[in-house]
């Protein structure tokens, strides 16, 4: 399943990167409404070796493909 955030539709002139969720690490945030995941970047339909940890708001599971507007920043680890 490919999730395109509303901001991706509003800012179509900015480059985006696709990333596949390889592992769900846990819930974070004050109320637990953010999920921390490890994603692997995709190029040409297949995953590359590069992976980072990101925070995702909303439902997410392993195998989902995320559309990232910002891909340089990595989330802090859960405590």
C-alpha atoms as a PDB file:
ATOM      1  CA  UNK A   1       0.000   0.000   0.000  1.00  0.00           C
ATOM      2  CA  UNK A   2       1.332   3.445  -0.895  1.00  0.00           C
ATOM      3  CA  UNK A   3       0.389   6.332   1.402  1.00  0.00           C
ATOM      4  CA  UNK A   4       0.719   9.829  -0.036  1.00  0.00           C
ATOM      5  CA  UNK A   5       0.437  12.526   2.597  1.00  0.00           C
ATOM      6  CA  UNK A   6      -1.626  15.612   1.850  1.00  0.00           C
ATOM      7  CA  UNK A   7       1.548  17.710   1.925  1.00  0.00           C
ATOM      8  CA  UNK A   8       2.963  15.634  -0.945  1.00  0.00           C
ATOM      9  CA  UNK A   9      -0.022  16.620  -3.041  1.00  0.00           C
ATOM     10  CA  UNK A  10       0.299  20.291  -2.084  1.00  0.00           C
ATOM     11  CA  UNK A  11       4.065  20.544  -2.707  1.00  0.00           C
ATOM     12  CA  UNK A  12       4.448  18.553  -5.903  1.00  0.00           C
ATOM     13  CA  UNK A  13       7.462  20.571  -7.069  1.00  0.00           C
ATOM     14  CA  UNK A  14       9.626  19.237  -4.217  1.00  0.00           C
ATOM     15  CA  UNK A  15      11.485  15.922  -4.679  1.00  0.00           C
ATOM     16  CA  UNK A  16      10.244  12.949  -2.665  1.00  0.00           C
ATOM     17  CA  UNK A  17      11.766   9.578  -1.798  1.00  0.00           C
ATOM     18  CA  UNK A  18       9.987   6.284  -1.385  1.00  0.00           C
ATOM     19  CA  UNK A  19      10.872   4.145   1.606  1.00  0.00           C
ATOM     20  CA  UNK A  20       9.645   0.675   2.573  1.00  0.00           C
ATOM     21  CA  UNK A  21       8.897  -0.089   6.229  1.00  0.00           C
ATOM     22  CA  UNK A  22      11.211  -2.933   7.196  1.00  0.00           C
ATOM     23  CA  UNK A  23      10.451  -3.077  10.933  1.00  0.00           C
ATOM     24  CA  UNK A  24       8.046  -1.487  13.413  1.00  0.00           C
ATOM     25  CA  UNK A  25      10.057  -0.500  16.485  1.00  0.00           C
ATOM     26  CA  UNK A  26       7.342   0.729  18.849  1.00  0.00           C
ATOM     27  CA  UNK A  27       4.997   3.518  19.895  1.00  0.00           C
ATOM     28  CA  UNK A  28       6.164   6.935  21.032  1.00  0.00           C
ATOM     29  CA  UNK A  29       4.772  10.383  21.801  1.00  0.00           C
ATOM     30  CA  UNK A  30       2.876  11.678  24.815  1.00  0.00           C
ATOM     31  CA  UNK A  31      -0.233   9.661  24.028  1.00  0.00           C
ATOM     32  CA  UNK A  32       1.369   6.886  21.977  1.00  0.00           C
ATOM     33  CA  UNK A  33      -0.090   8.125  18.709  1.00  0.00           C
ATOM     34  CA  UNK A  34       3.243   8.043  16.818  1.00  0.00           C
ATOM     35  CA  UNK A  35       4.890   4.824  15.623  1.00  0.00           C
ATOM     36  CA  UNK A  36       8.649   4.558  15.267  1.00  0.00           C
ATOM     37  CA  UNK A  37       9.712   2.484  12.245  1.00  0.00           C
ATOM     38  CA  UNK A  38      12.907   1.528  10.397  1.00  0.00           C
ATOM     39  CA  UNK A  39      12.628   2.239   6.663  1.00  0.00           C
ATOM     40  CA  UNK A  40      14.794   1.228   3.704  1.00  0.00           C
ATOM     41  CA  UNK A  41      15.006   3.609   0.768  1.00  0.00           C
ATOM     42  CA  UNK A  42      13.770   2.427  -2.621  1.00  0.00           C
ATOM     43  CA  UNK A  43      15.233   3.143  -6.054  1.00  0.00           C
ATOM     44  CA  UNK A  44      13.638   1.760  -9.185  1.00  0.00           C
ATOM     45  CA  UNK A  45      11.208  -0.471  -7.303  1.00  0.00           C
ATOM     46  CA  UNK A  46      13.810  -2.296  -5.199  1.00  0.00           C
ATOM     47  CA  UNK A  47      15.287  -1.412  -1.821  1.00  0.00           C
ATOM     48  CA  UNK A  48      18.764   0.003  -1.411  1.00  0.00           C
ATOM     49  CA  UNK A  49      21.022  -0.820   1.528  1.00  0.00           C
ATOM     50  CA  UNK A  50      20.417   2.507   3.291  1.00  0.00           C
ATOM     51  CA  UNK A  51      17.960   2.523   6.193  1.00  0.00           C
ATOM     52  CA  UNK A  52      16.996   5.064   8.859  1.00  0.00           C
ATOM     53  CA  UNK A  53      14.552   5.342  11.775  1.00  0.00           C
ATOM     54  CA  UNK A  54      11.510   7.581  11.271  1.00  0.00           C
ATOM     55  CA  UNK A  55       8.422   8.567  13.238  1.00  0.00           C
ATOM     56  CA  UNK A  56       5.083   7.915  11.501  1.00  0.00           C
ATOM     57  CA  UNK A  57       1.700   9.283  12.507  1.00  0.00           C
ATOM     58  CA  UNK A  58      -1.242   7.069  11.624  1.00  0.00           C
ATOM     59  CA  UNK A  59      -1.600   3.365  10.905  1.00  0.00           C
ATOM     60  CA  UNK A  60       1.510   1.646   9.570  1.00  0.00           C
ATOM     61  CA  UNK A  61       2.755  -1.935   9.281  1.00  0.00           C
ATOM     62  CA  UNK A  62       5.727  -3.796   7.848  1.00  0.00           C
ATOM     63  CA  UNK A  63       5.855  -3.726   4.063  1.00  0.00           C
ATOM     64  CA  UNK A  64       4.108  -0.351   3.703  1.00  0.00           C
ATOM     65  CA  UNK A  65       5.713   2.175   1.374  1.00  0.00           C
ATOM     66  CA  UNK A  66       6.053   5.730   2.671  1.00  0.00           C
ATOM     67  CA  UNK A  67       6.527   8.878   0.615  1.00  0.00           C
ATOM     68  CA  UNK A  68       9.129  11.002   2.448  1.00  0.00           C
ATOM     69  CA  UNK A  69       9.453  14.730   1.801  1.00  0.00           C
ATOM     70  CA  UNK A  70      12.394  14.968   4.230  1.00  0.00           C
ATOM     71  CA  UNK A  71      14.808  12.018   4.152  1.00  0.00           C
ATOM     72  CA  UNK A  72      18.026  13.354   5.701  1.00  0.00           C
ATOM     73  CA  UNK A  73      16.771  13.567   9.279  1.00  0.00           C
ATOM     74  CA  UNK A  74      16.656  10.500  11.513  1.00  0.00           C
ATOM     75  CA  UNK A  75      14.373  10.151  14.545  1.00  0.00           C
ATOM     76  CA  UNK A  76      15.788   9.692  18.037  1.00  0.00           C
ATOM     77  CA  UNK A  77      15.586   6.160  19.397  1.00  0.00           C
ATOM     78  CA  UNK A  78      12.889   5.078  21.850  1.00  0.00           C
ATOM     79  CA  UNK A  79      13.842   4.909  25.507  1.00  0.00           C
END
